[in-house]
Amino acid sequence: MSNHIKKIKLSLVLLATVAVLAGCGNLQNSGLSDGESGSNTNSKTSNYQITGTTDGTQYSALLSNGKYKVSATRGLLTDQNANKFNISSFESGLTTLSKTEFSPKKYAFQEGQHISRTTANNWLARQSKSNPEGLNPVDNGKTDPSTRNPIYLQDILEQDYLVRKGNSYQLGGVAIGLGMNKVDNYRKEKYGAVYKTTISETAREQQAKSIAEKILSRLRQKKALANVTIVFGLYEQGEDDSLVGGTYFATAVSKSGTNIDQWNTVNEKNAVLPVVNNEKAINDGDSDSFDNFKSKVQSFFPNLSGVTAQVHYKDNKLAGMNIKITTQFFGENEIRSFTQYTDTAATQYLPAGIPIEITISSVEGMQAFLNRDSGDKTFYTHVFGSY
């Protein structure tokens, strides 16, 4: 099986079910200390494996008895977030930040096991007499957008990283993502109109850093986390109606202790192309390239319902592009021909040297997929058959 096909299968599986991860690569057995892994089992004979070797740029995931170990807070992000794009960029962004501290060549990935769903819900709630653990400010009883205490912290995400020691793995570090609101939507009464409190950048950053230190102190009280490296990523949530997710704006590393001495700025931006409502593109050249690509593919058939792109910038440079093409094609030959044409247009017009994913879909689902990794010159294409 080629690396390209593995990548497609993995992308689809992550969207549909994590259970099939056991099939991606040759499974490798290893023993794992239960106490250090945060495992819920007391058995010392459990069979631990990883999903397979990688090229060192992506993590292998840890399996327990051949099964993917889901997060202790599974489903919480979906419950807390009205913008699906926030969920994916929140998770993938934290994984990317973690690579600086936890190299995929040395560490294996596991969903967070140390913060339970009950604990996370208590932390995300307001502080009160009945919930002293709440990390959001007390309700001051005011309902005006400018005078009420908003909800600053919207999401918490934990990721665990385990390092191989001989024939076993042990917990090597933890990454914590904090999803901070830029706008807090609320109702003055149940089922009433939705109001908005806009949170300034300064207030959001101050609150996020304060909350991170409180969480660090609490995590250090756990025996398994007393001396491991803990990475924090501060994430600005995209608004509920945004067509892109949010971005990380700061990160810090705690090797030991309960204080965070240094925060590093993360310069990231997300946007949608084509621009609308006379908004200014982040980069005019990238916007023009996409417009040329869009015009070219739309000239192929009149059956396109839309061509849009989500673009990601890091340090003011284009770092990735995800393009969605919605069609009304019915025949497989139409789809196959259009995919070939899209490949040609993408190679000719889209920016070179960056990772690009293009999905071609109808109301019935995905019809074709194109992918180009960073540094590659050509696209891999796949048309989904009906058999």
Protein backbone atom coordinates (compact mmCIF):
# COMPACT_ATOMS: atom_id res chain seq x y z
CA MET A 1 0.00 0.00 0.00
CA SER A 2 1.49 3.36 -1.00
CA ASN A 3 2.08 6.20 1.49
CA HIS A 4 -0.41 8.33 -0.42
CA ILE A 5 -3.21 5.79 -0.05
CA LYS A 6 -2.37 5.31 3.62
CA LYS A 7 -2.69 9.05 4.07
CA ILE A 8 -6.12 9.14 2.46
CA LYS A 9 -7.34 6.20 4.48
CA LEU A 10 -6.03 7.76 7.67
CA SER A 11 -7.69 11.10 6.94
CA LEU A 12 -11.03 9.45 6.28
CA VAL A 13 -10.76 7.18 9.27
CA LEU A 14 -10.04 10.06 11.64
CA LEU A 15 -13.23 11.70 10.48
CA ALA A 16 -15.31 8.55 10.76
CA THR A 17 -13.90 6.31 13.50
CA VAL A 18 -10.67 5.91 15.40
CA ALA A 19 -11.14 2.17 15.69
CA VAL A 20 -9.59 1.40 12.30
CA LEU A 21 -6.30 2.99 13.29
CA ALA A 22 -5.11 -0.47 14.24
CA GLY A 23 -4.96 -1.28 10.54
CA CYS A 24 -2.63 1.53 9.48
CA GLY A 25 0.81 -0.05 9.40
CA ASN A 26 2.46 -2.99 11.08
CA LEU A 27 1.62 -3.13 14.76
CA GLN A 28 4.54 -3.15 17.13
CA ASN A 29 4.28 -4.71 20.58
CA SER A 30 5.61 -3.08 23.70
CA GLY A 31 5.10 -3.23 27.42
CA LEU A 32 3.85 -0.10 29.15
CA SER A 33 3.84 0.85 32.81
CA ASP A 34 0.20 1.38 33.83
CA GLY A 35 1.00 3.89 36.50
CA GLU A 36 2.94 6.14 34.18
CA SER A 37 0.55 5.87 31.28
CA GLY A 38 -2.53 6.82 33.22
CA SER A 39 -4.16 3.59 32.06
CA ASN A 40 -7.40 2.58 33.73
CA THR A 41 -6.38 -1.08 33.80
CA ASN A 42 -4.54 -2.65 36.71
CA SER A 43 -3.19 -5.52 34.63
CA LYS A 44 0.54 -5.63 34.10
CA THR A 45 0.17 -8.05 31.19
CA SER A 46 -1.86 -5.81 28.88
CA ASN A 47 -0.67 -5.92 25.29
CA TYR A 48 0.37 -2.43 24.18
CA GLN A 49 1.19 -1.60 20.57
CA ILE A 50 1.72 1.40 18.32
CA THR A 51 -0.07 1.90 15.03
CA GLY A 52 3.15 1.65 13.04
CA THR A 53 6.36 3.41 12.14
CA THR A 54 6.27 6.83 10.46
CA ASP A 55 8.70 9.04 8.61
CA GLY A 56 9.36 11.01 11.78
CA THR A 57 7.04 13.90 10.93
CA GLN A 58 3.84 12.35 12.33
CA TYR A 59 3.13 10.50 15.56
CA SER A 60 2.39 6.83 15.90
CA ALA A 61 -0.57 6.26 18.19
CA LEU A 62 -0.49 3.93 21.18
CA LEU A 63 -2.95 1.04 21.25
CA SER A 64 -4.06 -0.99 24.25
CA ASN A 65 -4.88 -4.64 23.49
CA GLY A 66 -5.11 -3.70 19.83
CA LYS A 67 -7.61 -0.90 20.48
CA TYR A 68 -7.27 2.86 20.25
CA LYS A 69 -7.52 4.43 23.69
CA VAL A 70 -10.00 7.29 23.48
CA SER A 71 -9.74 10.51 25.46
CA ALA A 72 -11.05 10.66 29.00
CA THR A 73 -13.00 13.75 27.86
CA ARG A 74 -14.19 12.25 24.57
CA GLY A 75 -17.01 14.29 23.01
CA LEU A 76 -16.43 17.35 25.16
CA LEU A 77 -15.06 19.49 22.32
CA THR A 78 -18.11 18.75 20.20
CA ASP A 79 -20.45 19.61 23.06
CA GLN A 80 -18.66 22.87 23.80
CA ASN A 81 -18.18 24.12 20.26
CA ALA A 82 -20.66 25.31 17.64
CA ASN A 83 -17.93 25.77 15.02
CA LYS A 84 -16.69 22.40 13.70
CA PHE A 85 -13.61 24.05 12.22
CA ASN A 86 -12.48 25.01 15.73
CA ILE A 87 -12.41 21.38 16.76
CA SER A 88 -10.04 20.22 14.02
CA SER A 89 -7.68 23.21 14.16
CA PHE A 90 -7.62 23.12 17.98
CA GLU A 91 -6.54 19.46 17.99
CA SER A 92 -4.17 19.50 15.03
CA GLY A 93 -2.61 22.78 16.14
CA LEU A 94 -1.77 21.42 19.59
CA THR A 95 -0.22 18.33 18.02
CA THR A 96 1.93 20.54 15.80
CA LEU A 97 3.07 22.68 18.75
CA SER A 98 3.94 19.52 20.68
CA LYS A 99 6.38 18.33 18.03
CA THR A 100 8.89 20.97 19.10
CA GLU A 101 9.12 19.42 22.57
CA PHE A 102 8.09 15.82 21.86
CA SER A 103 9.71 14.62 18.64
CA PRO A 104 7.61 12.08 16.68
CA LYS A 105 10.84 10.15 16.14
CA LYS A 106 10.97 9.44 19.87
CA TYR A 107 7.44 9.81 21.25
CA ALA A 108 4.14 8.02 20.64
CA PHE A 109 0.77 9.76 20.88
CA GLN A 110 -2.13 8.93 23.18
CA GLU A 111 -5.38 10.79 23.80
CA GLY A 112 -5.45 12.55 27.16
CA GLN A 113 -6.03 10.23 30.13
CA HIS A 114 -5.36 12.47 33.14
CA ILE A 115 -8.17 15.05 33.02
CA SER A 116 -11.55 13.37 33.37
CA ARG A 117 -14.69 14.66 31.71
CA THR A 118 -16.17 15.59 35.10
CA THR A 119 -13.04 17.54 36.02
CA ALA A 120 -12.94 19.30 32.66
CA ASN A 121 -16.60 20.32 32.95
CA ASN A 122 -16.00 21.71 36.44
CA TRP A 123 -12.98 23.68 35.24
CA LEU A 124 -14.86 25.09 32.25
CA ALA A 125 -17.76 26.28 34.43
CA ARG A 126 -17.87 29.49 36.43
CA GLN A 127 -16.33 29.61 39.86
CA SER A 128 -19.00 29.46 42.53
CA LYS A 129 -19.65 28.19 46.05
CA SER A 130 -20.81 24.89 44.62
CA ASN A 131 -17.92 24.76 42.11
CA PRO A 132 -14.76 26.31 43.60
CA GLU A 133 -12.72 24.63 40.84
CA GLY A 134 -14.33 26.74 38.10
CA LEU A 135 -11.76 28.60 36.00
CA ASN A 136 -14.21 31.12 34.55
CA PRO A 137 -15.10 34.17 36.66
CA VAL A 138 -18.06 34.26 39.01
CA ASP A 139 -21.39 35.45 37.64
CA ASN A 140 -21.66 39.10 38.70
CA GLY A 141 -25.39 39.10 38.06
CA LYS A 142 -25.16 41.60 35.20
CA THR A 143 -26.54 40.94 31.72
CA ASP A 144 -25.27 43.93 29.74
CA PRO A 145 -22.61 42.84 27.21
CA SER A 146 -20.11 45.42 28.46
CA THR A 147 -20.51 44.90 32.21
CA ARG A 148 -21.10 41.17 32.70
CA ASN A 149 -18.26 38.75 33.42
CA PRO A 150 -17.85 36.74 30.21
CA ILE A 151 -16.88 33.11 29.77
CA TYR A 152 -13.21 33.31 28.80
CA LEU A 153 -12.25 29.62 28.74
CA GLN A 154 -14.37 27.59 26.30
CA ASP A 155 -12.37 24.39 25.72
CA ILE A 156 -9.70 22.23 27.35
CA LEU A 157 -7.74 19.61 25.43
CA GLU A 158 -5.18 17.13 26.77
CA GLN A 159 -2.76 15.10 24.68
CA ASP A 160 -0.28 12.60 26.14
CA TYR A 161 3.12 11.72 24.70
CA LEU A 162 4.90 8.51 25.64
CA VAL A 163 8.56 7.70 25.12
CA ARG A 164 10.00 4.28 24.52
CA LYS A 165 12.36 2.95 27.18
CA GLY A 166 13.88 -0.30 25.99
CA ASN A 167 10.95 -2.65 25.47
CA SER A 168 8.44 -0.42 27.24
CA TYR A 169 6.85 3.02 27.04
CA GLN A 170 6.39 5.55 29.79
CA LEU A 171 4.71 8.92 29.95
CA GLY A 172 7.18 11.51 28.73
CA GLY A 173 5.02 14.60 28.58
CA VAL A 174 1.60 16.18 28.31
CA ALA A 175 0.23 18.96 26.12
CA ILE A 176 -2.68 21.12 27.26
CA GLY A 177 -4.64 23.32 24.87
CA LEU A 178 -6.83 26.12 26.21
CA GLY A 179 -9.52 27.41 23.86
CA MET A 180 -10.20 31.07 24.67
CA ASN A 181 -13.21 33.03 23.47
CA LYS A 182 -12.83 36.23 21.50
CA VAL A 183 -16.63 36.55 21.60
CA ASP A 184 -18.82 35.07 24.33
CA ASN A 185 -22.35 34.31 23.13
CA TYR A 186 -24.99 34.23 25.85
CA ARG A 187 -28.71 34.54 26.54
CA LYS A 188 -30.30 36.78 29.12
CA GLU A 189 -33.09 34.24 29.52
CA LYS A 190 -33.57 30.62 28.54
CA TYR A 191 -34.40 30.26 24.83
CA GLY A 192 -34.14 34.04 24.49
CA ALA A 193 -32.19 36.14 22.00
CA VAL A 194 -28.44 35.61 21.71
CA TYR A 195 -26.20 38.48 22.84
CA LYS A 196 -22.44 38.89 22.44
CA THR A 197 -19.68 40.07 24.74
CA THR A 198 -16.52 40.92 22.81
CA ILE A 199 -13.34 40.11 24.73
CA SER A 200 -10.27 42.25 24.10
CA GLU A 201 -6.99 40.68 23.05
CA THR A 202 -5.34 41.91 26.24
CA ALA A 203 -8.02 40.47 28.52
CA ARG A 204 -8.05 37.17 26.62
CA GLU A 205 -4.29 36.78 26.90
CA GLN A 206 -4.15 37.74 30.58
CA GLN A 207 -6.94 35.35 31.48
CA ALA A 208 -5.41 32.52 29.44
CA LYS A 209 -2.01 32.79 31.10
CA SER A 210 -3.54 32.98 34.56
CA ILE A 211 -5.73 29.94 33.88
CA ALA A 212 -2.74 28.00 32.53
CA GLU A 213 -0.82 28.49 35.78
CA LYS A 214 -3.82 27.33 37.82
CA ILE A 215 -4.13 24.20 35.69
CA LEU A 216 -0.39 23.55 35.93
CA SER A 217 -0.58 23.69 39.73
CA ARG A 218 -3.47 21.23 39.76
CA LEU A 219 -1.79 18.83 37.33
CA ARG A 220 1.43 18.79 39.35
CA GLN A 221 -0.56 17.40 42.29
CA LYS A 222 -1.10 14.20 40.31
CA LYS A 223 1.64 11.65 40.94
CA ALA A 224 1.96 10.72 37.28
CA LEU A 225 2.39 14.38 36.26
CA ALA A 226 4.55 15.65 39.11
CA ASN A 227 7.79 15.65 37.13
CA VAL A 228 6.91 15.34 33.44
CA THR A 229 7.21 18.09 30.85
CA ILE A 230 3.92 19.94 30.27
CA VAL A 231 3.36 22.04 27.15
CA PHE A 232 0.63 24.71 27.07
CA GLY A 233 -0.92 26.13 23.93
CA LEU A 234 -3.27 29.14 24.07
CA TYR A 235 -5.87 29.11 21.30
CA GLU A 236 -8.17 31.88 20.10
CA GLN A 237 -11.50 30.36 19.15
CA GLY A 238 -13.01 31.18 15.77
CA GLU A 239 -16.47 32.69 16.07
CA ASP A 240 -19.48 30.38 15.76
CA ASP A 241 -20.34 31.55 12.25
CA SER A 242 -16.76 31.60 10.96
CA LEU A 243 -15.86 29.46 7.95
CA VAL A 244 -12.42 28.74 9.44
CA GLY A 245 -11.20 27.65 12.84
CA GLY A 246 -9.19 29.70 15.27
CA THR A 247 -5.43 29.85 15.79
CA TYR A 248 -2.89 29.46 18.58
CA PHE A 249 -1.37 32.69 19.84
CA ALA A 250 1.04 31.62 22.61
CA THR A 251 2.83 28.57 23.97
CA ALA A 252 4.93 27.71 27.01
CA VAL A 253 6.80 24.72 28.42
CA SER A 254 7.00 23.69 32.08
CA LYS A 255 9.77 21.20 32.80
CA SER A 256 9.02 21.16 36.52
CA GLY A 257 7.32 23.16 39.25
CA THR A 258 4.12 25.18 39.15
CA ASN A 259 5.28 28.45 37.59
CA ILE A 260 5.48 29.37 33.91
CA ASP A 261 8.47 31.63 33.42
CA GLN A 262 8.28 32.32 29.69
CA TRP A 263 5.56 32.52 27.05
CA ASN A 264 6.40 32.45 23.34
CA THR A 265 4.22 34.18 20.77
CA VAL A 266 2.70 32.06 17.99
CA ASN A 267 1.99 34.04 14.82
CA GLU A 268 -0.80 32.24 12.93
CA LYS A 269 -3.77 33.34 10.84
CA ASN A 270 -6.60 31.55 9.05
CA ALA A 271 -8.75 32.91 6.26
CA VAL A 272 -11.22 31.93 3.55
CA LEU A 273 -10.83 32.43 -0.19
CA PRO A 274 -12.30 33.98 -2.20
CA VAL A 275 -12.60 37.01 0.07
CA VAL A 276 -16.11 38.37 0.61
CA ASN A 277 -17.71 41.63 1.72
CA ASN A 278 -14.78 43.67 0.41
CA GLU A 279 -12.45 42.15 2.98
CA LYS A 280 -8.72 42.39 2.31
CA ALA A 281 -6.83 39.18 1.63
CA ILE A 282 -3.95 38.30 3.92
CA ASN A 283 -1.76 37.99 0.82
CA ASP A 284 -2.90 39.40 -2.53
CA GLY A 285 -0.67 37.06 -4.52
CA ASP A 286 -2.11 33.93 -2.88
CA SER A 287 -5.62 35.28 -3.37
CA ASP A 288 -4.98 35.93 -7.07
CA SER A 289 -3.54 32.43 -7.52
CA PHE A 290 -6.64 30.87 -6.02
CA ASP A 291 -8.96 33.09 -8.09
CA ASN A 292 -7.19 31.94 -11.27
CA PHE A 293 -7.50 28.30 -10.21
CA LYS A 294 -11.17 28.77 -9.33
CA SER A 295 -11.93 30.39 -12.70
CA LYS A 296 -10.15 27.61 -14.55
CA VAL A 297 -12.00 24.71 -12.90
CA GLN A 298 -15.34 26.50 -13.14
CA SER A 299 -14.86 26.76 -16.89
CA PHE A 300 -14.65 22.97 -17.17
CA PHE A 301 -18.31 22.24 -16.44
CA PRO A 302 -21.19 24.52 -15.43
CA ASN A 303 -22.06 22.00 -12.72
CA LEU A 304 -20.00 23.45 -9.85
CA SER A 305 -21.91 24.71 -6.82
CA GLY A 306 -18.89 26.24 -5.16
CA VAL A 307 -15.10 26.43 -4.94
CA THR A 308 -13.68 27.71 -1.66
CA ALA A 309 -10.38 27.47 0.20
CA GLN A 310 -9.28 27.62 3.80
CA VAL A 311 -5.77 29.06 4.00
CA HIS A 312 -3.39 28.91 6.94
CA TYR A 313 -0.51 31.33 7.52
CA LYS A 314 2.38 30.96 9.94
CA ASP A 315 4.80 33.81 10.52
CA ASN A 316 3.07 35.65 7.66
CA LYS A 317 3.86 32.87 5.17
CA LEU A 318 1.31 30.57 3.54
CA ALA A 319 1.61 27.22 5.33
CA GLY A 320 -1.30 25.23 3.91
CA MET A 321 -4.45 25.29 1.83
CA ASN A 322 -7.59 23.11 1.95
CA ILE A 323 -9.87 23.50 -1.06
CA LYS A 324 -13.45 22.24 -1.24
CA ILE A 325 -15.16 21.85 -4.60
CA THR A 326 -18.88 21.07 -4.56
CA THR A 327 -20.21 19.46 -7.74
CA GLN A 328 -23.38 18.18 -9.30
CA PHE A 329 -21.67 15.44 -11.32
CA PHE A 330 -23.39 12.10 -11.64
CA GLY A 331 -21.32 10.03 -14.05
CA GLU A 332 -18.02 8.46 -12.96
CA ASN A 333 -16.34 9.49 -16.21
CA GLU A 334 -17.37 13.09 -15.56
CA ILE A 335 -15.83 12.95 -12.09
CA ARG A 336 -12.66 11.26 -13.31
CA SER A 337 -12.19 13.76 -16.13
CA PHE A 338 -12.84 16.69 -13.83
CA THR A 339 -10.34 15.34 -11.28
CA GLN A 340 -7.66 15.14 -13.96
CA TYR A 341 -8.46 18.69 -15.06
CA THR A 342 -8.35 19.92 -11.44
CA ASP A 343 -4.92 18.31 -11.02
CA THR A 344 -3.62 20.21 -14.05
CA ALA A 345 -5.12 23.53 -12.94
CA ALA A 346 -3.85 23.12 -9.35
CA THR A 347 -0.31 22.41 -10.54
CA GLN A 348 -0.41 25.41 -12.86
CA TYR A 349 -2.03 28.06 -10.68
CA LEU A 350 -1.79 27.23 -6.96
CA PRO A 351 1.25 28.26 -4.87
CA ALA A 352 4.16 25.81 -4.95
CA GLY A 353 5.95 24.20 -2.02
CA ILE A 354 3.06 24.08 0.46
CA PRO A 355 0.74 21.22 1.46
CA ILE A 356 -2.59 21.36 -0.37
CA GLU A 357 -5.66 19.15 -0.04
CA ILE A 358 -8.54 19.32 -2.51
CA THR A 359 -11.81 17.47 -1.95
CA ILE A 360 -14.42 17.11 -4.66
CA SER A 361 -17.84 16.31 -3.24
CA SER A 362 -21.54 16.26 -4.03
CA VAL A 363 -24.54 16.12 -1.73
CA GLU A 364 -24.05 12.34 -1.73
CA GLY A 365 -20.52 12.53 -0.34
CA MET A 366 -16.89 12.70 -1.40
CA GLN A 367 -16.22 11.86 -5.04
CA ALA A 368 -12.49 12.53 -5.40
CA PHE A 369 -9.46 13.62 -3.44
CA LEU A 370 -6.21 15.35 -4.40
CA ASN A 371 -3.21 15.82 -2.13
CA ARG A 372 0.23 17.37 -2.36
CA ASP A 373 2.65 17.29 0.56
CA SER A 374 4.98 20.13 1.42
CA GLY A 375 7.84 20.25 -1.04
CA ASP A 376 6.21 17.88 -3.56
CA LYS A 377 5.75 19.02 -7.15
CA THR A 378 2.86 16.77 -8.15
CA PHE A 379 -0.53 15.87 -6.71
CA TYR A 380 -1.73 12.44 -5.77
CA THR A 381 -5.31 11.92 -6.99
CA HIS A 382 -7.95 9.35 -6.15
CA VAL A 383 -11.49 8.96 -7.53
CA PHE A 384 -13.85 7.01 -5.31
CA GLY A 385 -15.63 4.23 -7.20
CA SER A 386 -19.12 2.90 -6.58
CA TYR A 387 -17.96 -0.67 -5.93
